[in-house]
PDB file of N, CA and C in Angstrom:
ATOM      1  N   MET A   1       0.834  -1.196   0.000  1.00  0.00           N
ATOM      2  CA  MET A   1       0.000   0.000   0.000  1.00  0.00           C
ATOM      3  C   MET A   1       0.878   1.258   0.000  1.00  0.00           C
ATOM      4  N   ASP A   2       2.022   1.207   0.682  1.00  0.00           N
ATOM      5  CA  ASP A   2       2.910   2.376   0.717  1.00  0.00           C
ATOM      6  C   ASP A   2       3.360   2.801  -0.675  1.00  0.00           C
ATOM      7  N   ASN A   3       3.529   1.841  -1.579  1.00  0.00           N
ATOM      8  CA  ASN A   3       3.938   2.209  -2.942  1.00  0.00           C
ATOM      9  C   ASN A   3       2.893   3.080  -3.622  1.00  0.00           C
ATOM     10  N   PHE A   4       1.612   2.762  -3.409  1.00  0.00           N
ATOM     11  CA  PHE A   4       0.547   3.591  -3.977  1.00  0.00           C
ATOM     12  C   PHE A   4       0.550   4.980  -3.348  1.00  0.00           C
ATOM     13  N   VAL A   5       0.781   5.044  -2.044  1.00  0.00           N
ATOM     14  CA  VAL A   5       0.831   6.338  -1.363  1.00  0.00           C
ATOM     15  C   VAL A   5       1.986   7.164  -1.916  1.00  0.00           C
ATOM     16  N   LYS A   6       3.127   6.543  -2.129  1.00  0.00           N
ATOM     17  CA  LYS A   6       4.286   7.263  -2.674  1.00  0.00           C
ATOM     18  C   LYS A   6       4.019   7.770  -4.094  1.00  0.00           C
ATOM     19  N   LEU A   7       3.368   6.956  -4.914  1.00  0.00           N
ATOM     20  CA  LEU A   7       3.024   7.394  -6.272  1.00  0.00           C
ATOM     21  C   LEU A   7       2.070   8.583  -6.242  1.00  0.00           C
ATOM     22  N   ALA A   8       1.043   8.472  -5.422  1.00  0.00           N
ATOM     23  CA  ALA A   8       0.070   9.558  -5.322  1.00  0.00           C
ATOM     24  C   ALA A   8       0.721  10.818  -4.766  1.00  0.00           C
ATOM     25  N   LEU A   9       1.589  10.655  -3.780  1.00  0.00           N
ATOM     26  CA  LEU A   9       2.274  11.797  -3.180  1.00  0.00           C
ATOM     27  C   LEU A   9       3.171  12.488  -4.196  1.00  0.00           C
ATOM     28  N   ASN A  10       3.832  11.727  -5.028  1.00  0.00           N
ATOM     29  CA  ASN A  10       4.665  12.302  -6.084  1.00  0.00           C
ATOM     30  C   ASN A  10       3.812  13.126  -7.048  1.00  0.00           C
ATOM     31  N   ASP A  11       2.663  12.584  -7.453  1.00  0.00           N
ATOM     32  CA  ASP A  11       1.758  13.325  -8.340  1.00  0.00           C
ATOM     33  C   ASP A  11       1.230  14.589  -7.652  1.00  0.00           C
ATOM     34  N   LEU A  12       0.892  14.449  -6.384  1.00  0.00           N
ATOM     35  CA  LEU A  12       0.401  15.609  -5.630  1.00  0.00           C
ATOM     36  C   LEU A  12       1.465  16.706  -5.565  1.00  0.00           C
ATOM     37  N   ASN A  13       2.698  16.335  -5.290  1.00  0.00           N
ATOM     38  CA  ASN A  13       3.769  17.336  -5.184  1.00  0.00           C
ATOM     39  C   ASN A  13       4.028  18.036  -6.508  1.00  0.00           C
ATOM     40  N   LYS A  14       3.820  17.340  -7.611  1.00  0.00           N
ATOM     41  CA  LYS A  14       3.934  17.991  -8.924  1.00  0.00           C
ATOM     42  C   LYS A  14       2.836  19.046  -9.082  1.00  0.00           C
ATOM     43  N   LYS A  15       1.617  18.684  -8.669  1.00  0.00           N
ATOM     44  CA  LYS A  15       0.497  19.625  -8.760  1.00  0.00           C
ATOM     45  C   LYS A  15       0.700  20.833  -7.850  1.00  0.00           C
ATOM     46  N   THR A  16       1.166  20.596  -6.635  1.00  0.00           N
ATOM     47  CA  THR A  16       1.323  21.705  -5.697  1.00  0.00           C
ATOM     48  C   THR A  16       2.511  22.593  -6.060  1.00  0.00           C
ATOM     49  N   GLU A  17       3.496  22.054  -6.771  1.00  0.00           N
ATOM     50  CA  GLU A  17       4.592  22.895  -7.257  1.00  0.00           C
ATOM     51  C   GLU A  17       4.058  23.892  -8.282  1.00  0.00           C
ATOM     52  N   ILE A  18       3.148  23.449  -9.120  1.00  0.00           N
ATOM     53  CA  ILE A  18       2.496  24.355 -10.081  1.00  0.00           C
ATOM     54  C   ILE A  18       1.700  25.413  -9.324  1.00  0.00           C
ATOM     55  N   MET A  19       0.987  24.996  -8.272  1.00  0.00           N
ATOM     56  CA  MET A  19       0.226  25.950  -7.453  1.00  0.00           C
ATOM     57  C   MET A  19       1.163  26.992  -6.827  1.00  0.00           C
ATOM     58  N   ARG A  20       2.319  26.518  -6.325  1.00  0.00           N
ATOM     59  CA  ARG A  20       3.278  27.438  -5.694  1.00  0.00           C
ATOM     60  C   ARG A  20       3.751  28.481  -6.701  1.00  0.00           C
ATOM     61  N   LYS A  21       4.068  28.050  -7.901  1.00  0.00           N
ATOM     62  CA  LYS A  21       4.536  28.980  -8.939  1.00  0.00           C
ATOM     63  C   LYS A  21       3.435  29.971  -9.318  1.00  0.00           C
ATOM     64  N   GLU A  22       2.212  29.475  -9.453  1.00  0.00           N
ATOM     65  CA  GLU A  22       1.094  30.369  -9.776  1.00  0.00           C
ATOM     66  C   GLU A  22       0.859  31.377  -8.655  1.00  0.00           C
ATOM     67  N   ASP A  23       0.923  30.905  -7.409  1.00  0.00           N
ATOM     68  CA  ASP A  23       0.735  31.807  -6.267  1.00  0.00           C
ATOM     69  C   ASP A  23       1.793  32.895  -6.242  1.00  0.00           C
ATOM     70  N   SER A  24       3.041  32.526  -6.546  1.00  0.00           N
ATOM     71  CA  SER A  24       4.106  33.529  -6.510  1.00  0.00           C
ATOM     72  C   SER A  24       3.987  34.519  -7.663  1.00  0.00           C
ATOM     73  N   LEU A  25       3.411  34.101  -8.790  1.00  0.00           N
ATOM     74  CA  LEU A  25       3.174  35.036  -9.892  1.00  0.00           C
ATOM     75  C   LEU A  25       2.038  35.992  -9.566  1.00  0.00           C
ATOM     76  N   LEU A  26       0.993  35.475  -8.933  1.00  0.00           N
ATOM     77  CA  LEU A  26      -0.159  36.303  -8.574  1.00  0.00           C
ATOM     78  C   LEU A  26       0.168  37.277  -7.452  1.00  0.00           C
ATOM     79  N   ASN A  27       1.032  36.847  -6.555  1.00  0.00           N
ATOM     80  CA  ASN A  27       1.389  37.686  -5.417  1.00  0.00           C
ATOM     81  C   ASN A  27       2.887  37.554  -5.140  1.00  0.00           C
ATOM     82  N   PRO A  28       3.713  38.365  -5.817  1.00  0.00           N
ATOM     83  CA  PRO A  28       5.168  38.262  -5.672  1.00  0.00           C
ATOM     84  C   PRO A  28       5.656  38.501  -4.240  1.00  0.00           C
ATOM     85  N   ASN A  29       4.869  39.203  -3.425  1.00  0.00           N
ATOM     86  CA  ASN A  29       5.274  39.452  -2.041  1.00  0.00           C
ATOM     87  C   ASN A  29       5.030  38.247  -1.129  1.00  0.00           C
ATOM     88  N   LEU A  30       4.279  37.301  -1.616  1.00  0.00           N
ATOM     89  CA  LEU A  30       3.990  36.100  -0.847  1.00  0.00           C
ATOM     90  C   LEU A  30       5.211  35.190  -0.883  1.00  0.00           C
ATOM     91  N   LYS A  31       5.793  34.947   0.258  1.00  0.00           N
ATOM     92  CA  LYS A  31       7.013  34.146   0.340  1.00  0.00           C
ATOM     93  C   LYS A  31       6.745  32.866   1.118  1.00  0.00           C
ATOM     94  N   MET A  32       6.023  31.963   0.506  1.00  0.00           N
ATOM     95  CA  MET A  32       5.743  30.683   1.145  1.00  0.00           C
ATOM     96  C   MET A  32       6.871  29.719   0.793  1.00  0.00           C
ATOM     97  N   SER A  33       7.325  28.987   1.778  1.00  0.00           N
ATOM     98  CA  SER A  33       8.413  28.050   1.533  1.00  0.00           C
ATOM     99  C   SER A  33       7.908  26.858   0.719  1.00  0.00           C
ATOM    100  N   GLU A  34       8.839  26.201   0.073  1.00  0.00           N
ATOM    101  CA  GLU A  34       8.488  25.002  -0.685  1.00  0.00           C
ATOM    102  C   GLU A  34       7.900  23.947   0.250  1.00  0.00           C
ATOM    103  N   ARG A  35       8.388  23.903   1.468  1.00  0.00           N
ATOM    104  CA  ARG A  35       7.889  22.927   2.460  1.00  0.00           C
ATOM    105  C   ARG A  35       6.398  23.137   2.737  1.00  0.00           C
ATOM    106  N   TYR A  36       5.948  24.374   2.667  1.00  0.00           N
ATOM    107  CA  TYR A  36       4.525  24.654   2.871  1.00  0.00           C
ATOM    108  C   TYR A  36       3.673  23.930   1.823  1.00  0.00           C
ATOM    109  N   TYR A  37       4.182  23.867   0.605  1.00  0.00           N
ATOM    110  CA  TYR A  37       3.441  23.256  -0.490  1.00  0.00           C
ATOM    111  C   TYR A  37       3.713  21.763  -0.635  1.00  0.00           C
ATOM    112  N   ARG A  38       4.890  21.349  -0.270  1.00  0.00           N
ATOM    113  CA  ARG A  38       5.318  19.968  -0.493  1.00  0.00           C
ATOM    114  C   ARG A  38       4.918  19.075   0.677  1.00  0.00           C
ATOM    115  N   SER A  39       4.454  17.869   0.371  1.00  0.00           N
ATOM    116  CA  SER A  39       4.112  16.894   1.397  1.00  0.00           C
ATOM    117  C   SER A  39       5.136  15.771   1.391  1.00  0.00           C
ATOM    118  N   GLU A  40       5.515  15.334   2.563  1.00  0.00           N
ATOM    119  CA  GLU A  40       6.453  14.224   2.723  1.00  0.00           C
ATOM    120  C   GLU A  40       5.735  13.081   3.425  1.00  0.00           C
ATOM    121  N   LEU A  41       6.053  11.876   3.059  1.00  0.00           N
ATOM    122  CA  LEU A  41       5.402  10.698   3.619  1.00  0.00           C
ATOM    123  C   LEU A  41       5.474  10.675   5.143  1.00  0.00           C
ATOM    124  N   LYS A  42       6.602  11.048   5.696  1.00  0.00           N
ATOM    125  CA  LYS A  42       6.783  11.002   7.152  1.00  0.00           C
ATOM    126  C   LYS A  42       5.890  11.992   7.896  1.00  0.00           C
ATOM    127  N   ASP A  43       5.375  13.005   7.206  1.00  0.00           N
ATOM    128  CA  ASP A  43       4.536  14.025   7.833  1.00  0.00           C
ATOM    129  C   ASP A  43       3.044  13.719   7.748  1.00  0.00           C
ATOM    130  N   LEU A  44       2.692  12.615   7.125  1.00  0.00           N
ATOM    131  CA  LEU A  44       1.283  12.331   6.854  1.00  0.00           C
ATOM    132  C   LEU A  44       0.691  11.293   7.797  1.00  0.00           C
ATOM    133  N   LYS A  45      -0.513  11.557   8.217  1.00  0.00           N
ATOM    134  CA  LYS A  45      -1.346  10.545   8.855  1.00  0.00           C
ATOM    135  C   LYS A  45      -2.210   9.983   7.737  1.00  0.00           C
ATOM    136  N   ARG A  46      -2.524   8.694   7.827  1.00  0.00           N
ATOM    137  CA  ARG A  46      -3.304   8.063   6.771  1.00  0.00           C
ATOM    138  C   ARG A  46      -4.478   7.291   7.350  1.00  0.00           C
ATOM    139  N   GLN A  47      -5.571   7.320   6.611  1.00  0.00           N
ATOM    140  CA  GLN A  47      -6.750   6.535   6.942  1.00  0.00           C
ATOM    141  C   GLN A  47      -7.078   5.672   5.724  1.00  0.00           C
ATOM    142  N   TYR A  48      -7.399   4.409   5.972  1.00  0.00           N
ATOM    143  CA  TYR A  48      -7.702   3.462   4.901  1.00  0.00           C
ATOM    144  C   TYR A  48      -9.149   2.997   5.045  1.00  0.00           C
ATOM    145  N   VAL A  49      -9.909   3.104   3.950  1.00  0.00           N
ATOM    146  CA  VAL A  49     -11.314   2.696   3.965  1.00  0.00           C
ATOM    147  C   VAL A  49     -11.507   1.680   2.829  1.00  0.00           C
ATOM    148  N   PRO A  50     -11.455   0.390   3.159  1.00  0.00           N
ATOM    149  CA  PRO A  50     -11.612  -0.632   2.111  1.00  0.00           C
ATOM    150  C   PRO A  50     -13.079  -0.933   1.824  1.00  0.00           C
ATOM    151  N   TYR A  51     -13.369  -1.272   0.587  1.00  0.00           N
ATOM    152  CA  TYR A  51     -14.713  -1.707   0.200  1.00  0.00           C
ATOM    153  C   TYR A  51     -14.631  -2.457  -1.124  1.00  0.00           C
ATOM    154  N   MET A  52     -15.727  -3.080  -1.515  1.00  0.00           N
ATOM    155  CA  MET A  52     -15.808  -3.754  -2.813  1.00  0.00           C
ATOM    156  C   MET A  52     -16.776  -2.971  -3.690  1.00  0.00           C
ATOM    157  N   ASN A  53     -16.378  -2.763  -4.939  1.00  0.00           N
ATOM    158  CA  ASN A  53     -17.267  -2.034  -5.848  1.00  0.00           C
ATOM    159  C   ASN A  53     -18.270  -2.999  -6.489  1.00  0.00           C
ATOM    160  N   ASP A  54     -19.078  -2.481  -7.393  1.00  0.00           N
ATOM    161  CA  ASP A  54     -20.125  -3.307  -8.011  1.00  0.00           C
ATOM    162  C   ASP A  54     -19.577  -4.386  -8.937  1.00  0.00           C
ATOM    163  N   LYS A  55     -18.282  -4.326  -9.262  1.00  0.00           N
ATOM    164  CA  LYS A  55     -17.624  -5.360 -10.077  1.00  0.00           C
ATOM    165  C   LYS A  55     -16.887  -6.376  -9.203  1.00  0.00           C
ATOM    166  N   SER A  56     -17.110  -6.288  -7.886  1.00  0.00           N
ATOM    167  CA  SER A  56     -16.454  -7.158  -6.892  1.00  0.00           C
ATOM    168  C   SER A  56     -14.941  -6.956  -6.848  1.00  0.00           C
ATOM    169  N   GLU A  57     -14.489  -5.747  -7.212  1.00  0.00           N
ATOM    170  CA  GLU A  57     -13.071  -5.400  -7.106  1.00  0.00           C
ATOM    171  C   GLU A  57     -12.819  -4.808  -5.723  1.00  0.00           C
ATOM    172  N   THR A  58     -11.665  -5.099  -5.196  1.00  0.00           N
ATOM    173  CA  THR A  58     -11.300  -4.561  -3.881  1.00  0.00           C
ATOM    174  C   THR A  58     -10.739  -3.157  -4.061  1.00  0.00           C
ATOM    175  N   ILE A  59     -11.388  -2.195  -3.437  1.00  0.00           N
ATOM    176  CA  ILE A  59     -11.044  -0.778  -3.547  1.00  0.00           C
ATOM    177  C   ILE A  59     -10.681  -0.265  -2.153  1.00  0.00           C
ATOM    178  N   VAL A  60      -9.705   0.644  -2.104  1.00  0.00           N
ATOM    179  CA  VAL A  60      -9.353   1.276  -0.835  1.00  0.00           C
ATOM    180  C   VAL A  60      -9.298   2.787  -1.051  1.00  0.00           C
ATOM    181  N   LEU A  61     -10.106   3.506  -0.291  1.00  0.00           N
ATOM    182  CA  LEU A  61     -10.012   4.962  -0.247  1.00  0.00           C
ATOM    183  C   LEU A  61      -8.936   5.285   0.778  1.00  0.00           C
ATOM    184  N   ILE A  62      -7.947   6.072   0.382  1.00  0.00           N
ATOM    185  CA  ILE A  62      -6.869   6.461   1.294  1.00  0.00           C
ATOM    186  C   ILE A  62      -6.941   7.963   1.494  1.00  0.00           C
ATOM    187  N   ILE A  63      -7.068   8.359   2.740  1.00  0.00           N
ATOM    188  CA  ILE A  63      -7.145   9.766   3.117  1.00  0.00           C
ATOM    189  C   ILE A  63      -5.845  10.121   3.829  1.00  0.00           C
ATOM    190  N   CYS A  64      -5.177  11.157   3.360  1.00  0.00           N
ATOM    191  CA  CYS A  64      -3.903  11.586   3.953  1.00  0.00           C
ATOM    192  C   CYS A  64      -4.009  13.043   4.361  1.00  0.00           C
ATOM    193  N   PHE A  65      -3.398  13.381   5.488  1.00  0.00           N
ATOM    194  CA  PHE A  65      -3.329  14.782   5.894  1.00  0.00           C
ATOM    195  C   PHE A  65      -2.061  15.022   6.687  1.00  0.00           C
ATOM    196  N   LYS A  66      -1.561  16.253   6.557  1.00  0.00           N
ATOM    197  CA  LYS A  66      -0.341  16.636   7.268  1.00  0.00           C
ATOM    198  C   LYS A  66      -0.649  16.830   8.744  1.00  0.00           C
ATOM    199  N   THR A  67       0.200  16.295   9.571  1.00  0.00           N
ATOM    200  CA  THR A  67      -0.031  16.391  11.006  1.00  0.00           C
ATOM    201  C   THR A  67       0.223  17.793  11.545  1.00  0.00           C
ATOM    202  N   ASP A  68       1.117  18.536  10.921  1.00  0.00           N
ATOM    203  CA  ASP A  68       1.449  19.865  11.449  1.00  0.00           C
ATOM    204  C   ASP A  68       0.450  20.942  11.045  1.00  0.00           C
ATOM    205  N   THR A  69      -0.460  20.626  10.140  1.00  0.00           N
ATOM    206  CA  THR A  69      -1.440  21.621   9.705  1.00  0.00           C
ATOM    207  C   THR A  69      -2.879  21.144   9.882  1.00  0.00           C
ATOM    208  N   ALA A  70      -3.051  20.010  10.516  1.00  0.00           N
ATOM    209  CA  ALA A  70      -4.398  19.466  10.701  1.00  0.00           C
ATOM    210  C   ALA A  70      -5.215  20.363  11.624  1.00  0.00           C
ATOM    211  N   ILE A  71      -6.496  20.437  11.349  1.00  0.00           N
ATOM    212  CA  ILE A  71      -7.413  21.166  12.224  1.00  0.00           C
ATOM    213  C   ILE A  71      -7.421  20.434  13.569  1.00  0.00           C
ATOM    214  N   PRO A  72      -7.112  21.107  14.662  1.00  0.00           N
ATOM    215  CA  PRO A  72      -6.960  20.426  15.956  1.00  0.00           C
ATOM    216  C   PRO A  72      -8.123  19.518  16.338  1.00  0.00           C
ATOM    217  N   THR A  73      -9.342  19.944  16.062  1.00  0.00           N
ATOM    218  CA  THR A  73     -10.506  19.128  16.404  1.00  0.00           C
ATOM    219  C   THR A  73     -10.433  17.760  15.731  1.00  0.00           C
ATOM    220  N   TYR A  74     -10.074  17.748  14.459  1.00  0.00           N
ATOM    221  CA  TYR A  74     -10.027  16.495  13.719  1.00  0.00           C
ATOM    222  C   TYR A  74      -8.765  15.705  14.026  1.00  0.00           C
ATOM    223  N   TYR A  75      -7.688  16.410  14.311  1.00  0.00           N
ATOM    224  CA  TYR A  75      -6.446  15.705  14.623  1.00  0.00           C
ATOM    225  C   TYR A  75      -6.621  14.857  15.873  1.00  0.00           C
ATOM    226  N   LYS A  76      -7.425  15.307  16.809  1.00  0.00           N
ATOM    227  CA  LYS A  76      -7.645  14.561  18.048  1.00  0.00           C
ATOM    228  C   LYS A  76      -8.444  13.284  17.823  1.00  0.00           C
ATOM    229  N   VAL A  77      -9.284  13.254  16.805  1.00  0.00           N
ATOM    230  CA  VAL A  77     -10.180  12.108  16.602  1.00  0.00           C
ATOM    231  C   VAL A  77      -9.899  11.344  15.300  1.00  0.00           C
ATOM    232  N   TRP A  78      -8.744  11.551  14.696  1.00  0.00           N
ATOM    233  CA  TRP A  78      -8.487  10.970  13.384  1.00  0.00           C
ATOM    234  C   TRP A  78      -8.484   9.443  13.395  1.00  0.00           C
ATOM    235  N   LYS A  79      -8.271   8.828  14.547  1.00  0.00           N
ATOM    236  CA  LYS A  79      -8.264   7.363  14.604  1.00  0.00           C
ATOM    237  C   LYS A  79      -9.661   6.767  14.651  1.00  0.00           C
ATOM    238  N   THR A  80     -10.658   7.571  14.953  1.00  0.00           N
ATOM    239  CA  THR A  80     -12.021   7.050  15.064  1.00  0.00           C
ATOM    240  C   THR A  80     -13.008   7.703  14.101  1.00  0.00           C
ATOM    241  N   GLU A  81     -12.627   8.815  13.471  1.00  0.00           N
ATOM    242  CA  GLU A  81     -13.499   9.510  12.523  1.00  0.00           C
ATOM    243  C   GLU A  81     -12.732   9.826  11.247  1.00  0.00           C
ATOM    244  N   LEU A  82     -13.432   9.809  10.130  1.00  0.00           N
ATOM    245  CA  LEU A  82     -12.783  10.142   8.867  1.00  0.00           C
ATOM    246  C   LEU A  82     -12.465  11.626   8.808  1.00  0.00           C
ATOM    247  N   TYR A  83     -11.285  11.927   8.294  1.00  0.00           N
ATOM    248  CA  TYR A  83     -10.888  13.324   8.109  1.00  0.00           C
ATOM    249  C   TYR A  83     -11.779  13.910   7.012  1.00  0.00           C
ATOM    250  N   PRO A  84     -12.461  15.033   7.280  1.00  0.00           N
ATOM    251  CA  PRO A  84     -13.434  15.567   6.312  1.00  0.00           C
ATOM    252  C   PRO A  84     -12.790  16.057   5.022  1.00  0.00           C
ATOM    253  N   SER A  85     -13.487  15.867   3.921  1.00  0.00           N
ATOM    254  CA  SER A  85     -12.938  16.243   2.619  1.00  0.00           C
ATOM    255  C   SER A  85     -13.053  17.734   2.337  1.00  0.00           C
ATOM    256  N   ARG A  86     -13.786  18.455   3.134  1.00  0.00           N
ATOM    257  CA  ARG A  86     -14.002  19.882   2.837  1.00  0.00           C
ATOM    258  C   ARG A  86     -12.920  20.782   3.432  1.00  0.00           C
ATOM    259  N   ILE A  87     -11.994  20.243   4.211  1.00  0.00           N
ATOM    260  CA  ILE A  87     -10.944  21.071   4.806  1.00  0.00           C
ATOM    261  C   ILE A  87      -9.567  20.518   4.486  1.00  0.00           C
ATOM    262  N   GLY A  88      -8.581  21.374   4.566  1.00  0.00           N
ATOM    263  CA  GLY A  88      -7.206  20.914   4.448  1.00  0.00           C
ATOM    264  C   GLY A  88      -6.437  21.441   3.262  1.00  0.00           C
ATOM    265  N   GLY A  89      -7.140  21.818   2.192  1.00  0.00           N
ATOM    266  CA  GLY A  89      -6.438  22.322   1.011  1.00  0.00           C
ATOM    267  C   GLY A  89      -5.405  21.326   0.519  1.00  0.00           C
ATOM    268  N   HIS A  90      -4.233  21.805   0.122  1.00  0.00           N
ATOM    269  CA  HIS A  90      -3.202  20.892  -0.377  1.00  0.00           C
ATOM    270  C   HIS A  90      -2.455  20.180   0.752  1.00  0.00           C
ATOM    271  N   HIS A  91      -2.857  20.429   2.000  1.00  0.00           N
ATOM    272  CA  HIS A  91      -2.273  19.717   3.134  1.00  0.00           C
ATOM    273  C   HIS A  91      -3.023  18.422   3.411  1.00  0.00           C
ATOM    274  N   ALA A  92      -4.076  18.183   2.682  1.00  0.00           N
ATOM    275  CA  ALA A  92      -4.868  16.971   2.840  1.00  0.00           C
ATOM    276  C   ALA A  92      -5.352  16.532   1.463  1.00  0.00           C
ATOM    277  N   PHE A  93      -5.308  15.256   1.245  1.00  0.00           N
ATOM    278  CA  PHE A  93      -5.752  14.737  -0.042  1.00  0.00           C
ATOM    279  C   PHE A  93      -6.261  13.319   0.142  1.00  0.00           C
ATOM    280  N   ARG A  94      -6.955  12.857  -0.866  1.00  0.00           N
ATOM    281  CA  ARG A  94      -7.496  11.499  -0.846  1.00  0.00           C
ATOM    282  C   ARG A  94      -7.373  10.910  -2.228  1.00  0.00           C
ATOM    283  N   PHE A  95      -7.222   9.611  -2.268  1.00  0.00           N
ATOM    284  CA  PHE A  95      -7.181   8.928  -3.546  1.00  0.00           C
ATOM    285  C   PHE A  95      -7.704   7.516  -3.381  1.00  0.00           C
ATOM    286  N   ILE A  96      -7.970   6.880  -4.512  1.00  0.00           N
ATOM    287  CA  ILE A  96      -8.577   5.555  -4.529  1.00  0.00           C
ATOM    288  C   ILE A  96      -7.606   4.572  -5.168  1.00  0.00           C
ATOM    289  N   VAL A  97      -7.434   3.426  -4.511  1.00  0.00           N
ATOM    290  CA  VAL A  97      -6.595   2.357  -5.030  1.00  0.00           C
ATOM    291  C   VAL A  97      -7.499   1.183  -5.386  1.00  0.00           C
ATOM    292  N   ASN A  98      -7.297   0.665  -6.579  1.00  0.00           N
ATOM    293  CA  ASN A  98      -7.984  -0.552  -6.984  1.00  0.00           C
ATOM    294  C   ASN A  98      -6.985  -1.694  -6.801  1.00  0.00           C
ATOM    295  N   LEU A  99      -7.130  -2.451  -5.721  1.00  0.00           N
ATOM    296  CA  LEU A  99      -6.198  -3.541  -5.441  1.00  0.00           C
ATOM    297  C   LEU A  99      -6.335  -4.683  -6.444  1.00  0.00           C
ATOM    298  N   SER A 100      -7.521  -4.867  -6.970  1.00  0.00           N
ATOM    299  CA  SER A 100      -7.743  -5.938  -7.944  1.00  0.00           C
ATOM    300  C   SER A 100      -6.978  -5.672  -9.242  1.00  0.00           C
ATOM    301  N   LYS A 101      -6.833  -4.399  -9.592  1.00  0.00           N
ATOM    302  CA  LYS A 101      -6.115  -4.025 -10.817  1.00  0.00           C
ATOM    303  C   LYS A 101      -4.718  -3.477 -10.531  1.00  0.00           C
ATOM    304  N   SER A 102      -4.366  -3.357  -9.263  1.00  0.00           N
ATOM    305  CA  SER A 102      -3.053  -2.848  -8.837  1.00  0.00           C
ATOM    306  C   SER A 102      -2.749  -1.461  -9.411  1.00  0.00           C
ATOM    307  N   ASN A 103      -3.709  -0.536  -9.280  1.00  0.00           N
ATOM    308  CA  ASN A 103      -3.451   0.832  -9.708  1.00  0.00           C
ATOM    309  C   ASN A 103      -4.191   1.811  -8.804  1.00  0.00           C
ATOM    310  N   TYR A 104      -3.762   3.052  -8.853  1.00  0.00           N
ATOM    311  CA  TYR A 104      -4.529   4.065  -8.144  1.00  0.00           C
ATOM    312  C   TYR A 104      -5.269   4.893  -9.168  1.00  0.00           C
ATOM    313  N   ILE A 105      -6.468   5.271  -8.810  1.00  0.00           N
ATOM    314  CA  ILE A 105      -7.415   5.795  -9.788  1.00  0.00           C
ATOM    315  C   ILE A 105      -7.407   7.310  -9.871  1.00  0.00           C
ATOM    316  N   GLU A 106      -7.485   7.984  -8.751  1.00  0.00           N
ATOM    317  CA  GLU A 106      -7.581   9.434  -8.803  1.00  0.00           C
ATOM    318  C   GLU A 106      -7.032  10.020  -7.508  1.00  0.00           C
ATOM    319  N   ILE A 107      -6.593  11.241  -7.609  1.00  0.00           N
ATOM    320  CA  ILE A 107      -6.149  11.971  -6.424  1.00  0.00           C
ATOM    321  C   ILE A 107      -6.906  13.282  -6.383  1.00  0.00           C
ATOM    322  N   ARG A 108      -7.389  13.624  -5.219  1.00  0.00           N
ATOM    323  CA  ARG A 108      -8.146  14.873  -5.056  1.00  0.00           C
ATOM    324  C   ARG A 108      -7.637  15.615  -3.844  1.00  0.00           C
ATOM    325  N   LEU A 109      -7.365  16.877  -4.042  1.00  0.00           N
ATOM    326  CA  LEU A 109      -7.029  17.742  -2.921  1.00  0.00           C
ATOM    327  C   LEU A 109      -8.305  18.041  -2.148  1.00  0.00           C
ATOM    328  N   ASN A 110      -8.162  18.176  -0.857  1.00  0.00           N
ATOM    329  CA  ASN A 110      -9.318  18.563  -0.065  1.00  0.00           C
ATOM    330  C   ASN A 110      -9.646  20.027  -0.329  1.00  0.00           C
ATOM    331  N   GLY A 111     -10.826  20.434   0.109  1.00  0.00           N
ATOM    332  CA  GLY A 111     -11.258  21.814  -0.076  1.00  0.00           C
ATOM    333  C   GLY A 111     -10.470  22.785   0.771  1.00  0.00           C
ATOM    334  N   ALA A 112     -10.694  24.046   0.554  1.00  0.00           N
ATOM    335  CA  ALA A 112      -9.965  25.097   1.260  1.00  0.00           C
ATOM    336  C   ALA A 112     -10.520  25.371   2.648  1.00  0.00           C
ATOM    337  N   GLY A 113     -11.715  24.936   2.938  1.00  0.00           N
ATOM    338  CA  GLY A 113     -12.249  25.169   4.281  1.00  0.00           C
ATOM    339  C   GLY A 113     -13.710  25.487   4.264  1.00  0.00           C
TER     340      GLY A 113
END
């Protein structure tokens, strides 16, 4: 499963690098560090939600969020409640793995809040 997380994280970091460049063009005075935009595996908490789809394929929804930027309310309960998709921005993302086909399907950044 870690290999899928690493692949998705690599794709996410490519997307957020584009966001960082766009942000700096829109607001040259904004000096956000690359670390603000970049996610590292060691900084992420992960939640796994397995299920079977209508084709009887084994699917896993993986929710990742940065521990240093998590909303405190959710960070306290992340082991018992799903991290909400409407918060987190590029510090939180989710993607779907199809274990039956050994691929990951999509990656989505969480909302801005």
